[in-house]
Amino acid sequence: MTFAWLWVVFTLIAALLQTARNTMQRQLTGPLGAVGATHVRFLFGLPFAIVFLAIVTLVTGLAIPAPNAASLGWTMLGAMTQIVATALMLAAMRERSFVTTIAYTKTEPVQAAIFGLIFLGDRLTPLLTLAIAIATTGVMVMSTPGKEAAAPAGERRSLRAPAMGLAAGGFFALSAIGFRGGVLALEAPNFVIAATTTLVTGLAMQTATLTLYLIVADRPTLAAILRLWRPSMKAGLAGAAASQFWFLGFATASAAQVRTLALVEVILAQIVSKRFFSQGASARELAGMALIVLGVAVLLNA
């Protein structure tokens, strides 16, 4: 019970840092593309995560725990699905507003509940069913083209972006499950060092995977990332710090709890969208976002 509410603090800090990171990554999507902007958070986040781990070992006096097969397997699941989720999210942001894309990805807690039912046999209670119905209705409301999207081209764009955003939410849900599994499977005496070690392991996997891919398939993008090292470094720091607090949250609460509270990011995204991108949300989109938030709130109490 000592850490009963500590996850709330971790999650709120993580949501704030993640909003900053998403803003920086979105601005890098133009010159780097979705894959390049995705790689920035891993390549430039890994050094900061290593520094975090060094600080934790110095403060606690604990040795870095050796990963086992289970922790590596779960972490690999989290790392690879997060790559796909981030790329889909950034691609969706190129076609729809920042805040609307974030709202689509925030169906993640509902999708995590569905994955739990399919893969883990988690019981689907009446309240959980109600939460899924409310949130799904919200997504349908947001995805329905309005009068401004009456033209065929606009309609295609309005359907393509929600599809990518919803897919991103699904992969983020799998990522949360994978990373939480990695933290819990790691045999460590302290949840902080377990979370930080898993973070470094996951970022190392992601950095190696995307660096190898870019070397083989898209060297110009890798060169462009290195040329834009200053803004990339800032995005990497924000990403590593956000991940550090997400992992601390996963170490002290369920993925569903953490990702549900993370819906505050939708509100933060709305503020960022108006402040930096001069983008607002339509009444229909706001109504859909409200239903998504309500659905996940019910999920938290299911």
C-alpha atoms as a PDB file:
ATOM      1  CA  MET A   1       0.000   0.000   0.000  1.00  0.00           C
ATOM      2  CA  THR A   2       3.032   2.275   0.251  1.00  0.00           C
ATOM      3  CA  PHE A   3       2.909   3.051  -3.462  1.00  0.00           C
ATOM      4  CA  ALA A   4      -0.883   2.911  -3.834  1.00  0.00           C
ATOM      5  CA  TRP A   5      -1.156   6.383  -5.378  1.00  0.00           C
ATOM      6  CA  LEU A   6       2.402   6.919  -6.569  1.00  0.00           C
ATOM      7  CA  TRP A   7       1.469   5.680 -10.039  1.00  0.00           C
ATOM      8  CA  VAL A   8      -0.866   8.670 -10.409  1.00  0.00           C
ATOM      9  CA  VAL A   9       2.045  11.087 -10.007  1.00  0.00           C
ATOM     10  CA  PHE A  10       4.214   9.075 -12.398  1.00  0.00           C
ATOM     11  CA  THR A  11       1.466   8.953 -15.020  1.00  0.00           C
ATOM     12  CA  LEU A  12       0.625  12.651 -14.910  1.00  0.00           C
ATOM     13  CA  ILE A  13       4.296  13.601 -15.295  1.00  0.00           C
ATOM     14  CA  ALA A  14       4.678  11.091 -18.131  1.00  0.00           C
ATOM     15  CA  ALA A  15       1.625  12.473 -19.962  1.00  0.00           C
ATOM     16  CA  LEU A  16       2.984  16.014 -19.766  1.00  0.00           C
ATOM     17  CA  LEU A  17       6.419  14.965 -21.034  1.00  0.00           C
ATOM     18  CA  GLN A  18       4.910  12.815 -23.767  1.00  0.00           C
ATOM     19  CA  THR A  19       2.850  15.728 -25.063  1.00  0.00           C
ATOM     20  CA  ALA A  20       6.055  17.751 -25.350  1.00  0.00           C
ATOM     21  CA  ARG A  21       7.791  14.874 -27.121  1.00  0.00           C
ATOM     22  CA  ASN A  22       4.905  14.340 -29.548  1.00  0.00           C
ATOM     23  CA  THR A  23       4.999  18.042 -30.409  1.00  0.00           C
ATOM     24  CA  MET A  24       8.724  17.882 -31.158  1.00  0.00           C
ATOM     25  CA  GLN A  25       8.369  14.677 -33.163  1.00  0.00           C
ATOM     26  CA  ARG A  26       5.516  16.090 -35.215  1.00  0.00           C
ATOM     27  CA  GLN A  27       7.710  19.029 -36.208  1.00  0.00           C
ATOM     28  CA  LEU A  28      10.427  16.576 -37.313  1.00  0.00           C
ATOM     29  CA  THR A  29       8.045  14.476 -39.410  1.00  0.00           C
ATOM     30  CA  GLY A  30       8.266  16.896 -42.360  1.00  0.00           C
ATOM     31  CA  PRO A  31      12.058  16.768 -42.892  1.00  0.00           C
ATOM     32  CA  LEU A  32      12.533  13.194 -41.656  1.00  0.00           C
ATOM     33  CA  GLY A  33       9.330  11.339 -42.507  1.00  0.00           C
ATOM     34  CA  ALA A  34       7.376   9.122 -40.108  1.00  0.00           C
ATOM     35  CA  VAL A  35      10.117   6.474 -39.738  1.00  0.00           C
ATOM     36  CA  GLY A  36      12.878   9.051 -39.245  1.00  0.00           C
ATOM     37  CA  ALA A  37      10.907  11.004 -36.663  1.00  0.00           C
ATOM     38  CA  THR A  38      10.083   7.724 -34.915  1.00  0.00           C
ATOM     39  CA  HIS A  39      13.765   6.781 -34.748  1.00  0.00           C
ATOM     40  CA  VAL A  40      14.658  10.096 -33.114  1.00  0.00           C
ATOM     41  CA  ARG A  41      12.944   9.165 -29.838  1.00  0.00           C
ATOM     42  CA  PHE A  42      14.935   5.923 -29.645  1.00  0.00           C
ATOM     43  CA  LEU A  43      18.355   6.901 -31.001  1.00  0.00           C
ATOM     44  CA  PHE A  44      18.596  10.104 -28.978  1.00  0.00           C
ATOM     45  CA  GLY A  45      16.604   8.772 -26.026  1.00  0.00           C
ATOM     46  CA  LEU A  46      18.889   5.792 -25.319  1.00  0.00           C
ATOM     47  CA  PRO A  47      21.859   7.852 -24.002  1.00  0.00           C
ATOM     48  CA  PHE A  48      19.589   9.692 -21.576  1.00  0.00           C
ATOM     49  CA  ALA A  49      18.040   6.408 -20.403  1.00  0.00           C
ATOM     50  CA  ILE A  50      21.528   5.042 -19.720  1.00  0.00           C
ATOM     51  CA  VAL A  51      22.256   8.168 -17.654  1.00  0.00           C
ATOM     52  CA  PHE A  52      18.998   7.608 -15.742  1.00  0.00           C
ATOM     53  CA  LEU A  53      20.052   4.022 -15.005  1.00  0.00           C
ATOM     54  CA  ALA A  54      23.485   5.128 -13.822  1.00  0.00           C
ATOM     55  CA  ILE A  55      21.894   7.650 -11.455  1.00  0.00           C
ATOM     56  CA  VAL A  56      19.494   5.028 -10.084  1.00  0.00           C
ATOM     57  CA  THR A  57      22.341   2.575  -9.384  1.00  0.00           C
ATOM     58  CA  LEU A  58      24.386   5.283  -7.670  1.00  0.00           C
ATOM     59  CA  VAL A  59      21.496   6.473  -5.510  1.00  0.00           C
ATOM     60  CA  THR A  60      20.205   3.020  -4.541  1.00  0.00           C
ATOM     61  CA  GLY A  61      23.542   1.205  -4.453  1.00  0.00           C
ATOM     62  CA  LEU A  62      21.925  -1.708  -6.277  1.00  0.00           C
ATOM     63  CA  ALA A  63      23.455  -3.657  -9.140  1.00  0.00           C
ATOM     64  CA  ILE A  64      21.788  -3.719 -12.545  1.00  0.00           C
ATOM     65  CA  PRO A  65      19.629  -6.873 -12.649  1.00  0.00           C
ATOM     66  CA  ALA A  66      20.442  -9.452 -15.310  1.00  0.00           C
ATOM     67  CA  PRO A  67      17.586  -9.869 -17.805  1.00  0.00           C
ATOM     68  CA  ASN A  68      15.991 -13.300 -18.113  1.00  0.00           C
ATOM     69  CA  ALA A  69      14.231 -14.908 -21.071  1.00  0.00           C
ATOM     70  CA  ALA A  70      10.776 -13.845 -19.882  1.00  0.00           C
ATOM     71  CA  SER A  71      11.709 -10.198 -19.327  1.00  0.00           C
ATOM     72  CA  LEU A  72      13.506 -10.036 -22.689  1.00  0.00           C
ATOM     73  CA  GLY A  73      10.521 -11.578 -24.477  1.00  0.00           C
ATOM     74  CA  TRP A  74       8.008  -9.171 -22.954  1.00  0.00           C
ATOM     75  CA  THR A  75      10.314  -6.213 -23.526  1.00  0.00           C
ATOM     76  CA  MET A  76      10.820  -7.210 -27.157  1.00  0.00           C
ATOM     77  CA  LEU A  77       7.037  -7.284 -27.618  1.00  0.00           C
ATOM     78  CA  GLY A  78       6.744  -3.824 -26.094  1.00  0.00           C
ATOM     79  CA  ALA A  79       9.662  -2.415 -28.092  1.00  0.00           C
ATOM     80  CA  MET A  80       8.596  -3.638 -31.525  1.00  0.00           C
ATOM     81  CA  THR A  81       4.913  -2.757 -31.155  1.00  0.00           C
ATOM     82  CA  GLN A  82       5.872   0.715 -29.909  1.00  0.00           C
ATOM     83  CA  ILE A  83       7.893   1.312 -33.084  1.00  0.00           C
ATOM     84  CA  VAL A  84       4.876   0.474 -35.231  1.00  0.00           C
ATOM     85  CA  ALA A  85       2.524   2.502 -33.019  1.00  0.00           C
ATOM     86  CA  THR A  86       4.707   5.627 -33.090  1.00  0.00           C
ATOM     87  CA  ALA A  87       5.159   5.502 -36.870  1.00  0.00           C
ATOM     88  CA  LEU A  88       1.393   5.128 -37.386  1.00  0.00           C
ATOM     89  CA  MET A  89       0.674   7.993 -34.978  1.00  0.00           C
ATOM     90  CA  LEU A  90       3.080  10.362 -36.735  1.00  0.00           C
ATOM     91  CA  ALA A  91       1.762   9.372 -40.154  1.00  0.00           C
ATOM     92  CA  ALA A  92      -1.783  10.106 -38.961  1.00  0.00           C
ATOM     93  CA  MET A  93      -0.681  13.510 -37.663  1.00  0.00           C
ATOM     94  CA  ARG A  94       0.382  14.450 -41.173  1.00  0.00           C
ATOM     95  CA  GLU A  95      -3.226  14.040 -42.347  1.00  0.00           C
ATOM     96  CA  ARG A  96      -5.306  15.157 -39.362  1.00  0.00           C
ATOM     97  CA  SER A  97      -4.923  17.569 -36.491  1.00  0.00           C
ATOM     98  CA  PHE A  98      -2.552  16.897 -33.620  1.00  0.00           C
ATOM     99  CA  VAL A  99      -5.298  16.716 -30.993  1.00  0.00           C
ATOM    100  CA  THR A 100      -7.613  14.491 -33.054  1.00  0.00           C
ATOM    101  CA  THR A 101      -4.832  11.992 -33.761  1.00  0.00           C
ATOM    102  CA  ILE A 102      -3.934  11.849 -30.061  1.00  0.00           C
ATOM    103  CA  ALA A 103      -7.605  11.199 -29.265  1.00  0.00           C
ATOM    104  CA  TYR A 104      -7.709   8.253 -31.681  1.00  0.00           C
ATOM    105  CA  THR A 105      -4.635   6.703 -30.066  1.00  0.00           C
ATOM    106  CA  LYS A 106      -6.279   7.138 -26.663  1.00  0.00           C
ATOM    107  CA  THR A 107      -8.680   4.307 -27.438  1.00  0.00           C
ATOM    108  CA  GLU A 108      -5.660   2.305 -26.249  1.00  0.00           C
ATOM    109  CA  PRO A 109      -7.077   1.376 -22.791  1.00  0.00           C
ATOM    110  CA  VAL A 110     -10.232  -0.031 -24.395  1.00  0.00           C
ATOM    111  CA  GLN A 111      -8.181  -2.011 -26.898  1.00  0.00           C
ATOM    112  CA  ALA A 112      -5.988  -3.275 -24.060  1.00  0.00           C
ATOM    113  CA  ALA A 113      -9.118  -4.618 -22.363  1.00  0.00           C
ATOM    114  CA  ILE A 114     -10.078  -6.433 -25.571  1.00  0.00           C
ATOM    115  CA  PHE A 115      -6.566  -7.891 -25.919  1.00  0.00           C
ATOM    116  CA  GLY A 116      -6.790  -9.021 -22.311  1.00  0.00           C
ATOM    117  CA  LEU A 117     -10.039 -10.843 -23.047  1.00  0.00           C
ATOM    118  CA  ILE A 118      -8.624 -12.529 -26.170  1.00  0.00           C
ATOM    119  CA  PHE A 119      -5.119 -13.421 -25.008  1.00  0.00           C
ATOM    120  CA  LEU A 120      -5.399 -13.608 -21.213  1.00  0.00           C
ATOM    121  CA  GLY A 121      -9.024 -14.629 -20.685  1.00  0.00           C
ATOM    122  CA  ASP A 122      -9.781 -11.548 -18.566  1.00  0.00           C
ATOM    123  CA  ARG A 123     -13.448 -11.466 -17.527  1.00  0.00           C
ATOM    124  CA  LEU A 124     -15.608  -9.006 -19.487  1.00  0.00           C
ATOM    125  CA  THR A 125     -17.870  -7.423 -16.855  1.00  0.00           C
ATOM    126  CA  PRO A 126     -21.041  -5.433 -17.669  1.00  0.00           C
ATOM    127  CA  LEU A 127     -19.264  -2.163 -16.814  1.00  0.00           C
ATOM    128  CA  LEU A 128     -16.336  -3.111 -19.028  1.00  0.00           C
ATOM    129  CA  THR A 129     -18.729  -3.878 -21.865  1.00  0.00           C
ATOM    130  CA  LEU A 130     -20.409  -0.494 -21.342  1.00  0.00           C
ATOM    131  CA  ALA A 131     -17.028   1.262 -21.402  1.00  0.00           C
ATOM    132  CA  ILE A 132     -16.078  -0.379 -24.685  1.00  0.00           C
ATOM    133  CA  ALA A 133     -19.467   0.551 -26.207  1.00  0.00           C
ATOM    134  CA  ILE A 134     -19.191   4.214 -25.139  1.00  0.00           C
ATOM    135  CA  ALA A 135     -15.612   4.617 -26.344  1.00  0.00           C
ATOM    136  CA  THR A 136     -16.325   2.850 -29.639  1.00  0.00           C
ATOM    137  CA  THR A 137     -19.268   5.179 -30.222  1.00  0.00           C
ATOM    138  CA  GLY A 138     -16.931   8.114 -29.615  1.00  0.00           C
ATOM    139  CA  VAL A 139     -14.525   6.811 -32.232  1.00  0.00           C
ATOM    140  CA  MET A 140     -17.378   6.397 -34.733  1.00  0.00           C
ATOM    141  CA  VAL A 141     -18.524   9.966 -34.089  1.00  0.00           C
ATOM    142  CA  MET A 142     -15.010  11.304 -34.666  1.00  0.00           C
ATOM    143  CA  SER A 143     -14.499   9.163 -37.764  1.00  0.00           C
ATOM    144  CA  THR A 144     -17.722  10.223 -39.526  1.00  0.00           C
ATOM    145  CA  PRO A 145     -16.859  12.748 -42.251  1.00  0.00           C
ATOM    146  CA  GLY A 146     -18.541  16.101 -41.717  1.00  0.00           C
ATOM    147  CA  LYS A 147     -19.721  18.623 -44.292  1.00  0.00           C
ATOM    148  CA  GLU A 148     -16.204  19.994 -44.605  1.00  0.00           C
ATOM    149  CA  ALA A 149     -15.066  16.574 -45.804  1.00  0.00           C
ATOM    150  CA  ALA A 150     -17.768  16.089 -48.405  1.00  0.00           C
ATOM    151  CA  ALA A 151     -15.370  15.974 -51.345  1.00  0.00           C
ATOM    152  CA  PRO A 152     -14.088  12.488 -52.203  1.00  0.00           C
ATOM    153  CA  ALA A 153     -10.472  13.414 -51.548  1.00  0.00           C
ATOM    154  CA  GLY A 154     -11.314  14.885 -48.170  1.00  0.00           C
ATOM    155  CA  GLU A 155     -13.391  11.853 -47.264  1.00  0.00           C
ATOM    156  CA  ARG A 156     -10.544   9.501 -48.065  1.00  0.00           C
ATOM    157  CA  ARG A 157      -8.246  11.558 -45.862  1.00  0.00           C
ATOM    158  CA  SER A 158     -10.767  11.562 -43.012  1.00  0.00           C
ATOM    159  CA  LEU A 159     -11.046   7.780 -43.096  1.00  0.00           C
ATOM    160  CA  ARG A 160      -7.338   7.064 -43.582  1.00  0.00           C
ATOM    161  CA  ALA A 161      -6.211   9.079 -40.560  1.00  0.00           C
ATOM    162  CA  PRO A 162      -8.680   7.484 -38.099  1.00  0.00           C
ATOM    163  CA  ALA A 163      -7.659   4.029 -39.314  1.00  0.00           C
ATOM    164  CA  MET A 164      -3.986   4.793 -38.657  1.00  0.00           C
ATOM    165  CA  GLY A 165      -4.782   6.432 -35.325  1.00  0.00           C
ATOM    166  CA  LEU A 166      -6.869   3.499 -34.137  1.00  0.00           C
ATOM    167  CA  ALA A 167      -4.192   1.047 -35.265  1.00  0.00           C
ATOM    168  CA  ALA A 168      -1.610   3.105 -33.391  1.00  0.00           C
ATOM    169  CA  GLY A 169      -3.765   2.855 -30.268  1.00  0.00           C
ATOM    170  CA  GLY A 170      -3.901  -0.922 -30.628  1.00  0.00           C
ATOM    171  CA  PHE A 171      -0.153  -1.243 -30.966  1.00  0.00           C
ATOM    172  CA  PHE A 172       0.373   1.145 -28.039  1.00  0.00           C
ATOM    173  CA  ALA A 173      -1.893  -1.138 -25.984  1.00  0.00           C
ATOM    174  CA  LEU A 174       0.240  -4.161 -26.873  1.00  0.00           C
ATOM    175  CA  SER A 175       3.341  -2.118 -26.095  1.00  0.00           C
ATOM    176  CA  ALA A 176       2.060  -1.207 -22.633  1.00  0.00           C
ATOM    177  CA  ILE A 177       1.293  -4.859 -21.905  1.00  0.00           C
ATOM    178  CA  GLY A 178       4.728  -5.908 -23.159  1.00  0.00           C
ATOM    179  CA  PHE A 179       6.661  -3.352 -21.152  1.00  0.00           C
ATOM    180  CA  ARG A 180       4.703  -3.996 -17.959  1.00  0.00           C
ATOM    181  CA  GLY A 181       5.359  -7.705 -18.439  1.00  0.00           C
ATOM    182  CA  GLY A 182       9.051  -6.973 -18.901  1.00  0.00           C
ATOM    183  CA  VAL A 183       9.245  -4.930 -15.692  1.00  0.00           C
ATOM    184  CA  LEU A 184       7.401  -7.539 -13.632  1.00  0.00           C
ATOM    185  CA  ALA A 185       9.391 -10.461 -15.066  1.00  0.00           C
ATOM    186  CA  LEU A 186      12.721  -8.838 -14.236  1.00  0.00           C
ATOM    187  CA  GLU A 187      14.044 -10.148 -10.935  1.00  0.00           C
ATOM    188  CA  ALA A 188      15.017  -6.910  -9.210  1.00  0.00           C
ATOM    189  CA  PRO A 189      14.891  -5.817  -5.550  1.00  0.00           C
ATOM    190  CA  ASN A 190      13.569  -2.354  -6.388  1.00  0.00           C
ATOM    191  CA  PHE A 191      10.787  -1.303  -8.774  1.00  0.00           C
ATOM    192  CA  VAL A 192      12.700   1.812  -9.845  1.00  0.00           C
ATOM    193  CA  ILE A 193      15.749  -0.099 -11.036  1.00  0.00           C
ATOM    194  CA  ALA A 194      13.520  -2.737 -12.641  1.00  0.00           C
ATOM    195  CA  ALA A 195      11.647  -0.056 -14.606  1.00  0.00           C
ATOM    196  CA  THR A 196      14.809   1.804 -15.626  1.00  0.00           C
ATOM    197  CA  THR A 197      16.645  -1.362 -16.674  1.00  0.00           C
ATOM    198  CA  THR A 198      13.671  -2.394 -18.799  1.00  0.00           C
ATOM    199  CA  LEU A 199      13.608   1.072 -20.353  1.00  0.00           C
ATOM    200  CA  VAL A 200      17.278   0.849 -21.376  1.00  0.00           C
ATOM    201  CA  THR A 201      16.793  -2.674 -22.739  1.00  0.00           C
ATOM    202  CA  GLY A 202      13.752  -1.654 -24.764  1.00  0.00           C
ATOM    203  CA  LEU A 203      15.397   1.463 -26.196  1.00  0.00           C
ATOM    204  CA  ALA A 204      18.504  -0.533 -27.118  1.00  0.00           C
ATOM    205  CA  MET A 205      16.338  -3.019 -29.040  1.00  0.00           C
ATOM    206  CA  GLN A 206      14.488  -0.221 -30.805  1.00  0.00           C
ATOM    207  CA  THR A 207      17.623   1.745 -31.651  1.00  0.00           C
ATOM    208  CA  ALA A 208      19.364  -1.302 -33.101  1.00  0.00           C
ATOM    209  CA  THR A 209      16.301  -2.333 -35.117  1.00  0.00           C
ATOM    210  CA  LEU A 210      15.574   1.029 -36.725  1.00  0.00           C
ATOM    211  CA  THR A 211      19.242   1.922 -37.264  1.00  0.00           C
ATOM    212  CA  LEU A 212      19.792  -1.338 -39.133  1.00  0.00           C
ATOM    213  CA  TYR A 213      16.631  -0.761 -41.167  1.00  0.00           C
ATOM    214  CA  LEU A 214      17.687   2.757 -42.177  1.00  0.00           C
ATOM    215  CA  ILE A 215      21.225   1.631 -43.054  1.00  0.00           C
ATOM    216  CA  VAL A 216      19.801  -0.989 -45.388  1.00  0.00           C
ATOM    217  CA  ALA A 217      16.744   0.802 -46.771  1.00  0.00           C
ATOM    218  CA  ASP A 218      17.046   4.565 -46.279  1.00  0.00           C
ATOM    219  CA  ARG A 219      20.513   5.952 -45.561  1.00  0.00           C
ATOM    220  CA  PRO A 220      19.574   9.525 -46.556  1.00  0.00           C
ATOM    221  CA  THR A 221      17.037   9.636 -43.714  1.00  0.00           C
ATOM    222  CA  LEU A 222      19.647   8.433 -41.231  1.00  0.00           C
ATOM    223  CA  ALA A 223      22.002  11.152 -42.451  1.00  0.00           C
ATOM    224  CA  ALA A 224      19.210  13.725 -42.113  1.00  0.00           C
ATOM    225  CA  ILE A 225      18.577  12.626 -38.511  1.00  0.00           C
ATOM    226  CA  LEU A 226      22.236  13.221 -37.666  1.00  0.00           C
ATOM    227  CA  ARG A 227      22.160  16.649 -39.341  1.00  0.00           C
ATOM    228  CA  LEU A 228      19.143  17.613 -37.220  1.00  0.00           C
ATOM    229  CA  TRP A 229      20.793  16.443 -34.015  1.00  0.00           C
ATOM    230  CA  ARG A 230      19.903  19.550 -32.002  1.00  0.00           C
ATOM    231  CA  PRO A 231      16.078  19.286 -32.205  1.00  0.00           C
ATOM    232  CA  SER A 232      16.417  15.500 -32.198  1.00  0.00           C
ATOM    233  CA  MET A 233      18.333  15.645 -28.917  1.00  0.00           C
ATOM    234  CA  LYS A 234      15.526  17.636 -27.312  1.00  0.00           C
ATOM    235  CA  ALA A 235      12.921  15.146 -28.540  1.00  0.00           C
ATOM    236  CA  GLY A 236      15.098  12.279 -27.313  1.00  0.00           C
ATOM    237  CA  LEU A 237      15.397  13.784 -23.844  1.00  0.00           C
ATOM    238  CA  ALA A 238      11.644  14.410 -23.599  1.00  0.00           C
ATOM    239  CA  GLY A 239      10.935  10.903 -24.885  1.00  0.00           C
ATOM    240  CA  ALA A 240      13.353   9.186 -22.511  1.00  0.00           C
ATOM    241  CA  ALA A 241      12.014  11.155 -19.528  1.00  0.00           C
ATOM    242  CA  ALA A 242       8.403  10.368 -20.487  1.00  0.00           C
ATOM    243  CA  SER A 243       9.236   6.671 -20.895  1.00  0.00           C
ATOM    244  CA  GLN A 244      10.999   6.639 -17.534  1.00  0.00           C
ATOM    245  CA  PHE A 245       7.825   7.765 -15.795  1.00  0.00           C
ATOM    246  CA  TRP A 246       5.588   5.483 -17.901  1.00  0.00           C
ATOM    247  CA  PHE A 247       7.705   2.519 -16.840  1.00  0.00           C
ATOM    248  CA  LEU A 248       7.593   3.598 -13.199  1.00  0.00           C
ATOM    249  CA  GLY A 249       3.822   3.722 -13.578  1.00  0.00           C
ATOM    250  CA  PHE A 250       3.749   0.218 -15.098  1.00  0.00           C
ATOM    251  CA  ALA A 251       5.851  -1.012 -12.166  1.00  0.00           C
ATOM    252  CA  THR A 252       3.331   0.239  -9.605  1.00  0.00           C
ATOM    253  CA  ALA A 253      -0.080  -0.166 -11.311  1.00  0.00           C
ATOM    254  CA  SER A 254      -1.763  -2.096 -14.112  1.00  0.00           C
ATOM    255  CA  ALA A 255      -1.377  -1.007 -17.713  1.00  0.00           C
ATOM    256  CA  ALA A 256      -5.123  -0.300 -17.874  1.00  0.00           C
ATOM    257  CA  GLN A 257      -4.955   2.062 -14.891  1.00  0.00           C
ATOM    258  CA  VAL A 258      -1.920   3.912 -16.221  1.00  0.00           C
ATOM    259  CA  ARG A 259      -3.166   4.271 -19.789  1.00  0.00           C
ATOM    260  CA  THR A 260      -6.632   5.328 -18.644  1.00  0.00           C
ATOM    261  CA  LEU A 261      -5.305   8.167 -16.496  1.00  0.00           C
ATOM    262  CA  ALA A 262      -3.081   9.059 -19.451  1.00  0.00           C
ATOM    263  CA  LEU A 263      -6.199  10.411 -21.174  1.00  0.00           C
ATOM    264  CA  VAL A 264      -5.276  13.780 -19.675  1.00  0.00           C
ATOM    265  CA  GLU A 265      -2.957  13.913 -22.684  1.00  0.00           C
ATOM    266  CA  VAL A 266      -6.012  14.559 -24.884  1.00  0.00           C
ATOM    267  CA  ILE A 267      -6.600  17.809 -22.980  1.00  0.00           C
ATOM    268  CA  LEU A 268      -2.920  18.727 -23.178  1.00  0.00           C
ATOM    269  CA  ALA A 269      -2.911  17.943 -26.899  1.00  0.00           C
ATOM    270  CA  GLN A 270      -5.851  20.318 -27.417  1.00  0.00           C
ATOM    271  CA  ILE A 271      -3.871  23.103 -25.744  1.00  0.00           C
ATOM    272  CA  VAL A 272      -0.772  22.349 -27.843  1.00  0.00           C
ATOM    273  CA  SER A 273      -2.815  22.092 -31.048  1.00  0.00           C
ATOM    274  CA  LYS A 274      -4.244  25.575 -30.587  1.00  0.00           C
ATOM    275  CA  ARG A 275      -1.013  27.127 -29.336  1.00  0.00           C
ATOM    276  CA  PHE A 276       1.537  25.735 -31.815  1.00  0.00           C
ATOM    277  CA  PHE A 277      -0.329  24.368 -34.829  1.00  0.00           C
ATOM    278  CA  SER A 278      -3.332  26.741 -35.002  1.00  0.00           C
ATOM    279  CA  GLN A 279      -5.587  23.694 -35.199  1.00  0.00           C
ATOM    280  CA  GLY A 280      -8.928  23.386 -33.500  1.00  0.00           C
ATOM    281  CA  ALA A 281     -11.349  20.514 -33.219  1.00  0.00           C
ATOM    282  CA  SER A 282     -14.867  20.563 -34.644  1.00  0.00           C
ATOM    283  CA  ALA A 283     -17.911  20.158 -32.427  1.00  0.00           C
ATOM    284  CA  ARG A 284     -18.282  16.592 -33.743  1.00  0.00           C
ATOM    285  CA  GLU A 285     -14.679  15.760 -32.893  1.00  0.00           C
ATOM    286  CA  LEU A 286     -15.002  17.286 -29.430  1.00  0.00           C
ATOM    287  CA  ALA A 287     -18.153  15.236 -28.812  1.00  0.00           C
ATOM    288  CA  GLY A 288     -16.335  12.093 -29.920  1.00  0.00           C
ATOM    289  CA  MET A 289     -13.379  12.852 -27.670  1.00  0.00           C
ATOM    290  CA  ALA A 290     -15.746  13.394 -24.742  1.00  0.00           C
ATOM    291  CA  LEU A 291     -17.322   9.985 -25.325  1.00  0.00           C
ATOM    292  CA  ILE A 292     -13.886   8.337 -25.527  1.00  0.00           C
ATOM    293  CA  VAL A 293     -12.847   9.932 -22.243  1.00  0.00           C
ATOM    294  CA  LEU A 294     -16.158   8.898 -20.635  1.00  0.00           C
ATOM    295  CA  GLY A 295     -15.771   5.329 -21.902  1.00  0.00           C
ATOM    296  CA  VAL A 296     -12.297   4.933 -20.516  1.00  0.00           C
ATOM    297  CA  ALA A 297     -13.353   6.552 -17.229  1.00  0.00           C
ATOM    298  CA  VAL A 298     -16.016   3.853 -16.906  1.00  0.00           C
ATOM    299  CA  LEU A 299     -13.341   1.301 -17.781  1.00  0.00           C
ATOM    300  CA  LEU A 300     -11.222   2.494 -14.868  1.00  0.00           C
ATOM    301  CA  ASN A 301     -14.092   1.758 -12.480  1.00  0.00           C
ATOM    302  CA  ALA A 302     -15.129  -1.532 -14.076  1.00  0.00           C
END
